[in-house]
Amino acid sequence: MAVVLIVDDSPTELHLFRSMLEKSGFDTLVADSGEEGIRQAAASRPDCILMDVVMPGMNGFQATRKLTQDPRTADIPVIMVTTKDQETDKIWGMRQGAVDYIVKPVGQKDLAAKINSVMAD
């Protein structure tokens, strides 16, 4: 079973994404900050990472850049999680090493399809 690390500072979003992914057959790990996401990614080597953009401290762009620069985590696909009004964030996220993005709110089927797609590449 594929393991997805969800990095988001919102307990509500963590719960929502975790619930959707587990219903879709994924195992999940959660981190509530960019720093914790980097630590968990290096220790657990998940198959994919969902990275929120806006977080206090280290934001999603900074965390993604660090993940892609670390040989232990550079090959883990990162999907940036944005909201509708963050259009420029999508482009910026891709420049930091993200392989794709999703826009909140997202449905369970679309989320699972996006993750399966980036893991297949």
PDB file of N, CA and C in Angstrom:
ATOM      1  N   MET A   1       0.834  -1.181   0.000  1.00  0.00           N
ATOM      2  CA  MET A   1       0.000   0.000   0.000  1.00  0.00           C
ATOM      3  C   MET A   1       0.882   1.250   0.000  1.00  0.00           C
ATOM      4  N   ALA A   2       0.548   2.215  -0.815  1.00  0.00           N
ATOM      5  CA  ALA A   2       1.329   3.445  -0.903  1.00  0.00           C
ATOM      6  C   ALA A   2       1.120   4.303   0.342  1.00  0.00           C
ATOM      7  N   VAL A   3       2.186   4.984   0.755  1.00  0.00           N
ATOM      8  CA  VAL A   3       2.152   5.854   1.925  1.00  0.00           C
ATOM      9  C   VAL A   3       2.235   7.308   1.468  1.00  0.00           C
ATOM     10  N   VAL A   4       1.297   8.125   1.948  1.00  0.00           N
ATOM     11  CA  VAL A   4       1.264   9.540   1.619  1.00  0.00           C
ATOM     12  C   VAL A   4       1.478  10.347   2.898  1.00  0.00           C
ATOM     13  N   LEU A   5       2.439  11.255   2.865  1.00  0.00           N
ATOM     14  CA  LEU A   5       2.671  12.188   3.967  1.00  0.00           C
ATOM     15  C   LEU A   5       1.887  13.462   3.683  1.00  0.00           C
ATOM     16  N   ILE A   6       1.027  13.839   4.621  1.00  0.00           N
ATOM     17  CA  ILE A   6       0.220  15.055   4.494  1.00  0.00           C
ATOM     18  C   ILE A   6       0.837  16.111   5.399  1.00  0.00           C
ATOM     19  N   VAL A   7       1.239  17.241   4.815  1.00  0.00           N
ATOM     20  CA  VAL A   7       1.853  18.323   5.587  1.00  0.00           C
ATOM     21  C   VAL A   7       0.914  19.528   5.529  1.00  0.00           C
ATOM     22  N   ASP A   8       0.329  19.870   6.676  1.00  0.00           N
ATOM     23  CA  ASP A   8      -0.627  20.982   6.752  1.00  0.00           C
ATOM     24  C   ASP A   8      -0.730  21.431   8.196  1.00  0.00           C
ATOM     25  N   ASP A   9      -0.789  22.725   8.420  1.00  0.00           N
ATOM     26  CA  ASP A   9      -0.887  23.235   9.783  1.00  0.00           C
ATOM     27  C   ASP A   9      -2.317  23.235  10.330  1.00  0.00           C
ATOM     28  N   SER A  10      -3.292  22.931   9.502  1.00  0.00           N
ATOM     29  CA  SER A  10      -4.690  22.919   9.922  1.00  0.00           C
ATOM     30  C   SER A  10      -5.116  21.509  10.348  1.00  0.00           C
ATOM     31  N   PRO A  11      -5.493  21.321  11.615  1.00  0.00           N
ATOM     32  CA  PRO A  11      -5.974  20.007  12.046  1.00  0.00           C
ATOM     33  C   PRO A  11      -7.179  19.530  11.230  1.00  0.00           C
ATOM     34  N   THR A  12      -8.028  20.463  10.825  1.00  0.00           N
ATOM     35  CA  THR A  12      -9.199  20.105  10.026  1.00  0.00           C
ATOM     36  C   THR A  12      -8.782  19.555   8.670  1.00  0.00           C
ATOM     37  N   GLU A  13      -7.860  20.233   8.006  1.00  0.00           N
ATOM     38  CA  GLU A  13      -7.386  19.778   6.699  1.00  0.00           C
ATOM     39  C   GLU A  13      -6.651  18.441   6.819  1.00  0.00           C
ATOM     40  N   LEU A  14      -5.832  18.296   7.858  1.00  0.00           N
ATOM     41  CA  LEU A  14      -5.140  17.018   8.066  1.00  0.00           C
ATOM     42  C   LEU A  14      -6.148  15.879   8.200  1.00  0.00           C
ATOM     43  N   HIS A  15      -7.173  16.093   9.000  1.00  0.00           N
ATOM     44  CA  HIS A  15      -8.203  15.069   9.205  1.00  0.00           C
ATOM     45  C   HIS A  15      -8.934  14.760   7.899  1.00  0.00           C
ATOM     46  N   LEU A  16      -9.309  15.803   7.174  1.00  0.00           N
ATOM     47  CA  LEU A  16     -10.045  15.634   5.918  1.00  0.00           C
ATOM     48  C   LEU A  16      -9.225  14.858   4.892  1.00  0.00           C
ATOM     49  N   PHE A  17      -7.990  15.282   4.658  1.00  0.00           N
ATOM     50  CA  PHE A  17      -7.140  14.593   3.683  1.00  0.00           C
ATOM     51  C   PHE A  17      -6.848  13.158   4.126  1.00  0.00           C
ATOM     52  N   ARG A  18      -6.570  12.977   5.401  1.00  0.00           N
ATOM     53  CA  ARG A  18      -6.273  11.633   5.913  1.00  0.00           C
ATOM     54  C   ARG A  18      -7.467  10.706   5.692  1.00  0.00           C
ATOM     55  N   SER A  19      -8.657  11.196   6.012  1.00  0.00           N
ATOM     56  CA  SER A  19      -9.871  10.400   5.852  1.00  0.00           C
ATOM     57  C   SER A  19     -10.085  10.013   4.386  1.00  0.00           C
ATOM     58  N   MET A  20      -9.960  10.979   3.484  1.00  0.00           N
ATOM     59  CA  MET A  20     -10.155  10.696   2.061  1.00  0.00           C
ATOM     60  C   MET A  20      -9.140   9.687   1.546  1.00  0.00           C
ATOM     61  N   LEU A  21      -7.882   9.871   1.939  1.00  0.00           N
ATOM     62  CA  LEU A  21      -6.835   8.988   1.437  1.00  0.00           C
ATOM     63  C   LEU A  21      -6.972   7.572   1.984  1.00  0.00           C
ATOM     64  N   GLU A  22      -7.296   7.458   3.251  1.00  0.00           N
ATOM     65  CA  GLU A  22      -7.449   6.121   3.824  1.00  0.00           C
ATOM     66  C   GLU A  22      -8.650   5.401   3.217  1.00  0.00           C
ATOM     67  N   LYS A  23      -9.726   6.127   2.911  1.00  0.00           N
ATOM     68  CA  LYS A  23     -10.873   5.520   2.234  1.00  0.00           C
ATOM     69  C   LYS A  23     -10.506   5.067   0.823  1.00  0.00           C
ATOM     70  N   SER A  24      -9.486   5.709   0.252  1.00  0.00           N
ATOM     71  CA  SER A  24      -9.031   5.347  -1.093  1.00  0.00           C
ATOM     72  C   SER A  24      -7.944   4.278  -1.073  1.00  0.00           C
ATOM     73  N   GLY A  25      -7.603   3.774   0.109  1.00  0.00           N
ATOM     74  CA  GLY A  25      -6.654   2.674   0.200  1.00  0.00           C
ATOM     75  C   GLY A  25      -5.211   3.053   0.463  1.00  0.00           C
ATOM     76  N   PHE A  26      -4.942   4.316   0.765  1.00  0.00           N
ATOM     77  CA  PHE A  26      -3.574   4.750   1.063  1.00  0.00           C
ATOM     78  C   PHE A  26      -3.306   4.661   2.563  1.00  0.00           C
ATOM     79  N   ASP A  27      -2.070   4.426   2.921  1.00  0.00           N
ATOM     80  CA  ASP A  27      -1.619   4.617   4.290  1.00  0.00           C
ATOM     81  C   ASP A  27      -1.193   6.077   4.395  1.00  0.00           C
ATOM     82  N   THR A  28      -1.344   6.672   5.573  1.00  0.00           N
ATOM     83  CA  THR A  28      -1.024   8.088   5.707  1.00  0.00           C
ATOM     84  C   THR A  28      -0.127   8.362   6.905  1.00  0.00           C
ATOM     85  N   LEU A  29       0.643   9.412   6.763  1.00  0.00           N
ATOM     86  CA  LEU A  29       1.416  10.017   7.838  1.00  0.00           C
ATOM     87  C   LEU A  29       1.033  11.484   7.834  1.00  0.00           C
ATOM     88  N   VAL A  30       1.107  12.159   8.971  1.00  0.00           N
ATOM     89  CA  VAL A  30       0.781  13.579   9.006  1.00  0.00           C
ATOM     90  C   VAL A  30       1.888  14.374   9.694  1.00  0.00           C
ATOM     91  N   ALA A  31       2.028  15.615   9.258  1.00  0.00           N
ATOM     92  CA  ALA A  31       2.954  16.563   9.867  1.00  0.00           C
ATOM     93  C   ALA A  31       2.256  17.911   9.886  1.00  0.00           C
ATOM     94  N   ASP A  32       2.390  18.642  10.990  1.00  0.00           N
ATOM     95  CA  ASP A  32       1.674  19.912  11.120  1.00  0.00           C
ATOM     96  C   ASP A  32       2.533  21.144  10.843  1.00  0.00           C
ATOM     97  N   SER A  33       3.710  20.927  10.250  1.00  0.00           N
ATOM     98  CA  SER A  33       4.572  22.052   9.882  1.00  0.00           C
ATOM     99  C   SER A  33       5.533  21.610   8.782  1.00  0.00           C
ATOM    100  N   GLY A  34       6.111  22.585   8.105  1.00  0.00           N
ATOM    101  CA  GLY A  34       7.097  22.267   7.078  1.00  0.00           C
ATOM    102  C   GLY A  34       8.307  21.560   7.662  1.00  0.00           C
ATOM    103  N   GLU A  35       8.755  22.015   8.823  1.00  0.00           N
ATOM    104  CA  GLU A  35       9.913  21.411   9.466  1.00  0.00           C
ATOM    105  C   GLU A  35       9.644  19.943   9.824  1.00  0.00           C
ATOM    106  N   GLU A  36       8.471  19.688  10.406  1.00  0.00           N
ATOM    107  CA  GLU A  36       8.116  18.318  10.773  1.00  0.00           C
ATOM    108  C   GLU A  36       7.944  17.455   9.518  1.00  0.00           C
ATOM    109  N   GLY A  37       7.410  18.035   8.451  1.00  0.00           N
ATOM    110  CA  GLY A  37       7.266  17.306   7.195  1.00  0.00           C
ATOM    111  C   GLY A  37       8.609  16.842   6.649  1.00  0.00           C
ATOM    112  N   ILE A  38       9.599  17.704   6.721  1.00  0.00           N
ATOM    113  CA  ILE A  38      10.944  17.341   6.258  1.00  0.00           C
ATOM    114  C   ILE A  38      11.502  16.208   7.110  1.00  0.00           C
ATOM    115  N   ARG A  39      11.358  16.303   8.424  1.00  0.00           N
ATOM    116  CA  ARG A  39      11.851  15.247   9.321  1.00  0.00           C
ATOM    117  C   ARG A  39      11.167  13.907   9.024  1.00  0.00           C
ATOM    118  N   GLN A  40       9.846  13.945   8.892  1.00  0.00           N
ATOM    119  CA  GLN A  40       9.111  12.705   8.640  1.00  0.00           C
ATOM    120  C   GLN A  40       9.456  12.121   7.272  1.00  0.00           C
ATOM    121  N   ALA A  41       9.604  12.972   6.279  1.00  0.00           N
ATOM    122  CA  ALA A  41       9.931  12.480   4.937  1.00  0.00           C
ATOM    123  C   ALA A  41      11.280  11.765   4.934  1.00  0.00           C
ATOM    124  N   ALA A  42      12.266  12.338   5.602  1.00  0.00           N
ATOM    125  CA  ALA A  42      13.592  11.726   5.649  1.00  0.00           C
ATOM    126  C   ALA A  42      13.562  10.409   6.427  1.00  0.00           C
ATOM    127  N   ALA A  43      12.785  10.363   7.501  1.00  0.00           N
ATOM    128  CA  ALA A  43      12.740   9.169   8.349  1.00  0.00           C
ATOM    129  C   ALA A  43      11.873   8.060   7.757  1.00  0.00           C
ATOM    130  N   SER A  44      10.753   8.429   7.121  1.00  0.00           N
ATOM    131  CA  SER A  44       9.768   7.434   6.690  1.00  0.00           C
ATOM    132  C   SER A  44       9.787   7.119   5.205  1.00  0.00           C
ATOM    133  N   ARG A  45      10.352   8.026   4.401  1.00  0.00           N
ATOM    134  CA  ARG A  45      10.402   7.849   2.947  1.00  0.00           C
ATOM    135  C   ARG A  45       9.042   7.479   2.354  1.00  0.00           C
ATOM    136  N   PRO A  46       8.053   8.370   2.480  1.00  0.00           N
ATOM    137  CA  PRO A  46       6.728   8.084   1.911  1.00  0.00           C
ATOM    138  C   PRO A  46       6.794   8.024   0.390  1.00  0.00           C
ATOM    139  N   ASP A  47       5.736   7.493  -0.207  1.00  0.00           N
ATOM    140  CA  ASP A  47       5.676   7.391  -1.662  1.00  0.00           C
ATOM    141  C   ASP A  47       5.297   8.713  -2.318  1.00  0.00           C
ATOM    142  N   CYS A  48       4.650   9.592  -1.558  1.00  0.00           N
ATOM    143  CA  CYS A  48       4.194  10.881  -2.087  1.00  0.00           C
ATOM    144  C   CYS A  48       3.980  11.827  -0.904  1.00  0.00           C
ATOM    145  N   ILE A  49       4.077  13.135  -1.165  1.00  0.00           N
ATOM    146  CA  ILE A  49       3.850  14.146  -0.131  1.00  0.00           C
ATOM    147  C   ILE A  49       2.838  15.158  -0.640  1.00  0.00           C
ATOM    148  N   LEU A  50       1.808  15.434   0.176  1.00  0.00           N
ATOM    149  CA  LEU A  50       0.886  16.541  -0.065  1.00  0.00           C
ATOM    150  C   LEU A  50       1.373  17.691   0.791  1.00  0.00           C
ATOM    151  N   MET A  51       1.733  18.817   0.184  1.00  0.00           N
ATOM    152  CA  MET A  51       2.347  19.932   0.896  1.00  0.00           C
ATOM    153  C   MET A  51       1.483  21.189   0.803  1.00  0.00           C
ATOM    154  N   ASP A  52       0.946  21.610   1.957  1.00  0.00           N
ATOM    155  CA  ASP A  52       0.205  22.867   2.004  1.00  0.00           C
ATOM    156  C   ASP A  52       1.162  24.010   1.697  1.00  0.00           C
ATOM    157  N   VAL A  53       0.659  25.067   1.075  1.00  0.00           N
ATOM    158  CA  VAL A  53       1.498  26.206   0.736  1.00  0.00           C
ATOM    159  C   VAL A  53       1.665  27.128   1.933  1.00  0.00           C
ATOM    160  N   VAL A  54       0.555  27.565   2.518  1.00  0.00           N
ATOM    161  CA  VAL A  54       0.589  28.592   3.558  1.00  0.00           C
ATOM    162  C   VAL A  54       0.635  27.940   4.938  1.00  0.00           C
ATOM    163  N   MET A  55       1.804  28.050   5.579  1.00  0.00           N
ATOM    164  CA  MET A  55       2.001  27.548   6.934  1.00  0.00           C
ATOM    165  C   MET A  55       2.915  28.523   7.666  1.00  0.00           C
ATOM    166  N   PRO A  56       2.729  28.668   8.974  1.00  0.00           N
ATOM    167  CA  PRO A  56       3.644  29.527   9.730  1.00  0.00           C
ATOM    168  C   PRO A  56       5.030  28.902   9.793  1.00  0.00           C
ATOM    169  N   GLY A  57       6.029  29.726  10.039  1.00  0.00           N
ATOM    170  CA  GLY A  57       7.399  29.214  10.068  1.00  0.00           C
ATOM    171  C   GLY A  57       7.836  28.901   8.653  1.00  0.00           C
ATOM    172  N   MET A  58       8.246  27.673   8.412  1.00  0.00           N
ATOM    173  CA  MET A  58       8.669  27.256   7.078  1.00  0.00           C
ATOM    174  C   MET A  58       7.433  26.967   6.230  1.00  0.00           C
ATOM    175  N   ASN A  59       7.250  27.747   5.157  1.00  0.00           N
ATOM    176  CA  ASN A  59       6.077  27.521   4.308  1.00  0.00           C
ATOM    177  C   ASN A  59       6.309  26.332   3.376  1.00  0.00           C
ATOM    178  N   GLY A  60       5.282  25.988   2.623  1.00  0.00           N
ATOM    179  CA  GLY A  60       5.356  24.827   1.756  1.00  0.00           C
ATOM    180  C   GLY A  60       6.397  24.932   0.655  1.00  0.00           C
ATOM    181  N   PHE A  61       6.623  26.140   0.146  1.00  0.00           N
ATOM    182  CA  PHE A  61       7.644  26.317  -0.881  1.00  0.00           C
ATOM    183  C   PHE A  61       9.031  26.024  -0.320  1.00  0.00           C
ATOM    184  N   GLN A  62       9.306  26.579   0.851  1.00  0.00           N
ATOM    185  CA  GLN A  62      10.617  26.371   1.476  1.00  0.00           C
ATOM    186  C   GLN A  62      10.837  24.890   1.804  1.00  0.00           C
ATOM    187  N   ALA A  63       9.814  24.246   2.348  1.00  0.00           N
ATOM    188  CA  ALA A  63       9.928  22.831   2.699  1.00  0.00           C
ATOM    189  C   ALA A  63      10.141  21.973   1.445  1.00  0.00           C
ATOM    190  N   THR A  64       9.409  22.277   0.387  1.00  0.00           N
ATOM    191  CA  THR A  64       9.555  21.521  -0.860  1.00  0.00           C
ATOM    192  C   THR A  64      10.955  21.680  -1.435  1.00  0.00           C
ATOM    193  N   ARG A  65      11.463  22.897  -1.413  1.00  0.00           N
ATOM    194  CA  ARG A  65      12.818  23.145  -1.916  1.00  0.00           C
ATOM    195  C   ARG A  65      13.838  22.321  -1.116  1.00  0.00           C
ATOM    196  N   LYS A  66      13.709  22.288   0.199  1.00  0.00           N
ATOM    197  CA  LYS A  66      14.636  21.503   1.029  1.00  0.00           C
ATOM    198  C   LYS A  66      14.519  20.004   0.730  1.00  0.00           C
ATOM    199  N   LEU A  67      13.297  19.536   0.543  1.00  0.00           N
ATOM    200  CA  LEU A  67      13.096  18.115   0.229  1.00  0.00           C
ATOM    201  C   LEU A  67      13.755  17.741  -1.094  1.00  0.00           C
ATOM    202  N   THR A  68      13.614  18.595  -2.098  1.00  0.00           N
ATOM    203  CA  THR A  68      14.173  18.278  -3.411  1.00  0.00           C
ATOM    204  C   THR A  68      15.695  18.419  -3.443  1.00  0.00           C
ATOM    205  N   GLN A  69      16.263  19.144  -2.495  1.00  0.00           N
ATOM    206  CA  GLN A  69      17.721  19.306  -2.441  1.00  0.00           C
ATOM    207  C   GLN A  69      18.410  18.234  -1.608  1.00  0.00           C
ATOM    208  N   ASP A  70      17.638  17.469  -0.842  1.00  0.00           N
ATOM    209  CA  ASP A  70      18.194  16.430   0.014  1.00  0.00           C
ATOM    210  C   ASP A  70      18.177  15.100  -0.747  1.00  0.00           C
ATOM    211  N   PRO A  71      19.321  14.449  -0.928  1.00  0.00           N
ATOM    212  CA  PRO A  71      19.353  13.191  -1.674  1.00  0.00           C
ATOM    213  C   PRO A  71      18.447  12.103  -1.079  1.00  0.00           C
ATOM    214  N   ARG A  72      18.188  12.157   0.220  1.00  0.00           N
ATOM    215  CA  ARG A  72      17.323  11.151   0.856  1.00  0.00           C
ATOM    216  C   ARG A  72      15.860  11.314   0.459  1.00  0.00           C
ATOM    217  N   THR A  73      15.464  12.526   0.063  1.00  0.00           N
ATOM    218  CA  THR A  73      14.045  12.790  -0.218  1.00  0.00           C
ATOM    219  C   THR A  73      13.798  13.363  -1.607  1.00  0.00           C
ATOM    220  N   ALA A  74      14.836  13.579  -2.378  1.00  0.00           N
ATOM    221  CA  ALA A  74      14.707  14.255  -3.671  1.00  0.00           C
ATOM    222  C   ALA A  74      13.802  13.520  -4.660  1.00  0.00           C
ATOM    223  N   ASP A  75      13.699  12.200  -4.536  1.00  0.00           N
ATOM    224  CA  ASP A  75      12.899  11.441  -5.499  1.00  0.00           C
ATOM    225  C   ASP A  75      11.446  11.243  -5.062  1.00  0.00           C
ATOM    226  N   ILE A  76      11.052  11.812  -3.927  1.00  0.00           N
ATOM    227  CA  ILE A  76       9.665  11.688  -3.468  1.00  0.00           C
ATOM    228  C   ILE A  76       8.839  12.783  -4.146  1.00  0.00           C
ATOM    229  N   PRO A  77       7.794  12.418  -4.898  1.00  0.00           N
ATOM    230  CA  PRO A  77       6.987  13.450  -5.545  1.00  0.00           C
ATOM    231  C   PRO A  77       6.214  14.286  -4.526  1.00  0.00           C
ATOM    232  N   VAL A  78       6.256  15.604  -4.723  1.00  0.00           N
ATOM    233  CA  VAL A  78       5.545  16.544  -3.855  1.00  0.00           C
ATOM    234  C   VAL A  78       4.427  17.195  -4.654  1.00  0.00           C
ATOM    235  N   ILE A  79       3.220  17.144  -4.106  1.00  0.00           N
ATOM    236  CA  ILE A  79       2.070  17.819  -4.701  1.00  0.00           C
ATOM    237  C   ILE A  79       1.734  19.008  -3.819  1.00  0.00           C
ATOM    238  N   MET A  80       1.791  20.209  -4.375  1.00  0.00           N
ATOM    239  CA  MET A  80       1.444  21.413  -3.623  1.00  0.00           C
ATOM    240  C   MET A  80      -0.074  21.499  -3.483  1.00  0.00           C
ATOM    241  N   VAL A  81      -0.526  21.941  -2.317  1.00  0.00           N
ATOM    242  CA  VAL A  81      -1.954  22.102  -2.045  1.00  0.00           C
ATOM    243  C   VAL A  81      -2.226  23.599  -1.937  1.00  0.00           C
ATOM    244  N   THR A  82      -3.035  24.122  -2.864  1.00  0.00           N
ATOM    245  CA  THR A  82      -3.331  25.549  -2.905  1.00  0.00           C
ATOM    246  C   THR A  82      -4.837  25.784  -2.796  1.00  0.00           C
ATOM    247  N   THR A  83      -5.199  27.052  -2.718  1.00  0.00           N
ATOM    248  CA  THR A  83      -6.608  27.415  -2.792  1.00  0.00           C
ATOM    249  C   THR A  83      -6.832  28.142  -4.100  1.00  0.00           C
ATOM    250  N   LYS A  84      -8.088  28.330  -4.453  1.00  0.00           N
ATOM    251  CA  LYS A  84      -8.419  28.926  -5.752  1.00  0.00           C
ATOM    252  C   LYS A  84      -7.728  30.252  -6.006  1.00  0.00           C
ATOM    253  N   ASP A  85      -7.555  31.086  -4.983  1.00  0.00           N
ATOM    254  CA  ASP A  85      -6.984  32.414  -5.195  1.00  0.00           C
ATOM    255  C   ASP A  85      -5.458  32.428  -5.156  1.00  0.00           C
ATOM    256  N   GLN A  86      -4.819  31.281  -5.180  1.00  0.00           N
ATOM    257  CA  GLN A  86      -3.361  31.208  -5.139  1.00  0.00           C
ATOM    258  C   GLN A  86      -2.782  30.794  -6.492  1.00  0.00           C
ATOM    259  N   GLU A  87      -3.283  31.359  -7.567  1.00  0.00           N
ATOM    260  CA  GLU A  87      -2.865  30.981  -8.924  1.00  0.00           C
ATOM    261  C   GLU A  87      -1.353  31.066  -9.119  1.00  0.00           C
ATOM    262  N   THR A  88      -0.728  32.143  -8.654  1.00  0.00           N
ATOM    263  CA  THR A  88       0.718  32.266  -8.837  1.00  0.00           C
ATOM    264  C   THR A  88       1.473  31.251  -7.999  1.00  0.00           C
ATOM    265  N   ASP A  89       0.862  30.763  -6.901  1.00  0.00           N
ATOM    266  CA  ASP A  89       1.518  29.760  -6.068  1.00  0.00           C
ATOM    267  C   ASP A  89       1.733  28.464  -6.824  1.00  0.00           C
ATOM    268  N   LYS A  90       0.843  28.143  -7.738  1.00  0.00           N
ATOM    269  CA  LYS A  90       0.982  26.910  -8.502  1.00  0.00           C
ATOM    270  C   LYS A  90       2.275  26.935  -9.311  1.00  0.00           C
ATOM    271  N   ILE A  91       2.513  28.040  -9.979  1.00  0.00           N
ATOM    272  CA  ILE A  91       3.719  28.193 -10.796  1.00  0.00           C
ATOM    273  C   ILE A  91       4.959  28.210  -9.902  1.00  0.00           C
ATOM    274  N   TRP A  92       4.896  28.958  -8.820  1.00  0.00           N
ATOM    275  CA  TRP A  92       6.034  29.059  -7.914  1.00  0.00           C
ATOM    276  C   TRP A  92       6.355  27.700  -7.304  1.00  0.00           C
ATOM    277  N   GLY A  93       5.329  26.940  -6.933  1.00  0.00           N
ATOM    278  CA  GLY A  93       5.530  25.604  -6.355  1.00  0.00           C
ATOM    279  C   GLY A  93       6.260  24.688  -7.302  1.00  0.00           C
ATOM    280  N   MET A  94       5.916  24.759  -8.578  1.00  0.00           N
ATOM    281  CA  MET A  94       6.573  23.919  -9.569  1.00  0.00           C
ATOM    282  C   MET A  94       8.055  24.311  -9.690  1.00  0.00           C
ATOM    283  N   ARG A  95       8.355  25.578  -9.528  1.00  0.00           N
ATOM    284  CA  ARG A  95       9.745  26.026  -9.597  1.00  0.00           C
ATOM    285  C   ARG A  95      10.549  25.547  -8.385  1.00  0.00           C
ATOM    286  N   GLN A  96       9.885  25.269  -7.292  1.00  0.00           N
ATOM    287  CA  GLN A  96      10.575  24.825  -6.080  1.00  0.00           C
ATOM    288  C   GLN A  96      10.772  23.307  -6.056  1.00  0.00           C
ATOM    289  N   GLY A  97      10.236  22.600  -7.039  1.00  0.00           N
ATOM    290  CA  GLY A  97      10.450  21.169  -7.120  1.00  0.00           C
ATOM    291  C   GLY A  97       9.197  20.321  -7.027  1.00  0.00           C
ATOM    292  N   ALA A  98       8.040  20.945  -6.824  1.00  0.00           N
ATOM    293  CA  ALA A  98       6.798  20.176  -6.796  1.00  0.00           C
ATOM    294  C   ALA A  98       6.545  19.584  -8.177  1.00  0.00           C
ATOM    295  N   VAL A  99       5.933  18.406  -8.207  1.00  0.00           N
ATOM    296  CA  VAL A  99       5.652  17.770  -9.491  1.00  0.00           C
ATOM    297  C   VAL A  99       4.258  18.104  -9.993  1.00  0.00           C
ATOM    298  N   ASP A 100       3.389  18.563  -9.096  1.00  0.00           N
ATOM    299  CA  ASP A 100       2.023  18.912  -9.485  1.00  0.00           C
ATOM    300  C   ASP A 100       1.378  19.702  -8.351  1.00  0.00           C
ATOM    301  N   TYR A 101       0.119  20.071  -8.533  1.00  0.00           N
ATOM    302  CA  TYR A 101      -0.610  20.793  -7.495  1.00  0.00           C
ATOM    303  C   TYR A 101      -2.068  20.373  -7.524  1.00  0.00           C
ATOM    304  N   ILE A 102      -2.753  20.607  -6.414  1.00  0.00           N
ATOM    305  CA  ILE A 102      -4.199  20.437  -6.348  1.00  0.00           C
ATOM    306  C   ILE A 102      -4.773  21.696  -5.723  1.00  0.00           C
ATOM    307  N   VAL A 103      -6.015  21.973  -6.063  1.00  0.00           N
ATOM    308  CA  VAL A 103      -6.699  23.147  -5.536  1.00  0.00           C
ATOM    309  C   VAL A 103      -7.778  22.692  -4.563  1.00  0.00           C
ATOM    310  N   LYS A 104      -7.744  23.264  -3.356  1.00  0.00           N
ATOM    311  CA  LYS A 104      -8.784  22.974  -2.362  1.00  0.00           C
ATOM    312  C   LYS A 104     -10.029  23.774  -2.700  1.00  0.00           C
ATOM    313  N   PRO A 105     -11.193  23.231  -2.463  1.00  0.00           N
ATOM    314  CA  PRO A 105     -11.457  21.875  -1.985  1.00  0.00           C
ATOM    315  C   PRO A 105     -11.307  20.867  -3.125  1.00  0.00           C
ATOM    316  N   VAL A 106     -10.938  19.654  -2.764  1.00  0.00           N
ATOM    317  CA  VAL A 106     -10.751  18.586  -3.744  1.00  0.00           C
ATOM    318  C   VAL A 106     -11.549  17.367  -3.292  1.00  0.00           C
ATOM    319  N   GLY A 107     -12.111  16.656  -4.245  1.00  0.00           N
ATOM    320  CA  GLY A 107     -12.875  15.451  -3.939  1.00  0.00           C
ATOM    321  C   GLY A 107     -11.968  14.245  -3.768  1.00  0.00           C
ATOM    322  N   GLN A 108     -12.483  13.231  -3.130  1.00  0.00           N
ATOM    323  CA  GLN A 108     -11.719  12.023  -2.839  1.00  0.00           C
ATOM    324  C   GLN A 108     -11.198  11.343  -4.103  1.00  0.00           C
ATOM    325  N   LYS A 109     -12.037  11.191  -5.116  1.00  0.00           N
ATOM    326  CA  LYS A 109     -11.608  10.514  -6.345  1.00  0.00           C
ATOM    327  C   LYS A 109     -10.529  11.306  -7.071  1.00  0.00           C
ATOM    328  N   ASP A 110     -10.702  12.633  -7.140  1.00  0.00           N
ATOM    329  CA  ASP A 110      -9.706  13.474  -7.805  1.00  0.00           C
ATOM    330  C   ASP A 110      -8.374  13.453  -7.064  1.00  0.00           C
ATOM    331  N   LEU A 111      -8.438  13.466  -5.743  1.00  0.00           N
ATOM    332  CA  LEU A 111      -7.223  13.428  -4.936  1.00  0.00           C
ATOM    333  C   LEU A 111      -6.471  12.116  -5.158  1.00  0.00           C
ATOM    334  N   ALA A 112      -7.176  11.008  -5.086  1.00  0.00           N
ATOM    335  CA  ALA A 112      -6.549   9.693  -5.293  1.00  0.00           C
ATOM    336  C   ALA A 112      -5.976   9.581  -6.704  1.00  0.00           C
ATOM    337  N   ALA A 113      -6.707  10.084  -7.691  1.00  0.00           N
ATOM    338  CA  ALA A 113      -6.230  10.026  -9.074  1.00  0.00           C
ATOM    339  C   ALA A 113      -4.957  10.843  -9.256  1.00  0.00           C
ATOM    340  N   LYS A 114      -4.900  12.020  -8.643  1.00  0.00           N
ATOM    341  CA  LYS A 114      -3.712  12.878  -8.755  1.00  0.00           C
ATOM    342  C   LYS A 114      -2.502  12.187  -8.132  1.00  0.00           C
ATOM    343  N   ILE A 115      -2.687  11.612  -6.958  1.00  0.00           N
ATOM    344  CA  ILE A 115      -1.578  10.927  -6.292  1.00  0.00           C
ATOM    345  C   ILE A 115      -1.109   9.733  -7.103  1.00  0.00           C
ATOM    346  N   ASN A 116      -2.035   8.926  -7.568  1.00  0.00           N
ATOM    347  CA  ASN A 116      -1.666   7.767  -8.396  1.00  0.00           C
ATOM    348  C   ASN A 116      -0.943   8.203  -9.655  1.00  0.00           C
ATOM    349  N   SER A 117      -1.352   9.312 -10.233  1.00  0.00           N
ATOM    350  CA  SER A 117      -0.733   9.820 -11.450  1.00  0.00           C
ATOM    351  C   SER A 117       0.721  10.225 -11.215  1.00  0.00           C
ATOM    352  N   VAL A 118       1.000  10.965 -10.151  1.00  0.00           N
ATOM    353  CA  VAL A 118       2.380  11.408  -9.927  1.00  0.00           C
ATOM    354  C   VAL A 118       3.279  10.262  -9.486  1.00  0.00           C
ATOM    355  N   MET A 119       2.711   9.256  -8.825  1.00  0.00           N
ATOM    356  CA  MET A 119       3.535   8.110  -8.423  1.00  0.00           C
ATOM    357  C   MET A 119       3.848   7.218  -9.618  1.00  0.00           C
ATOM    358  N   ALA A 120       3.028   7.269 -10.652  1.00  0.00           N
ATOM    359  CA  ALA A 120       3.250   6.453 -11.851  1.00  0.00           C
ATOM    360  C   ALA A 120       4.324   7.050 -12.754  1.00  0.00           C
ATOM    361  N   ASP A 121       4.546   8.363 -12.632  1.00  0.00           N
ATOM    362  CA  ASP A 121       5.519   9.036 -13.508  1.00  0.00           C
ATOM    363  C   ASP A 121       6.942   8.649 -13.180  1.00  0.00           C
TER     364      ASP A 121
END
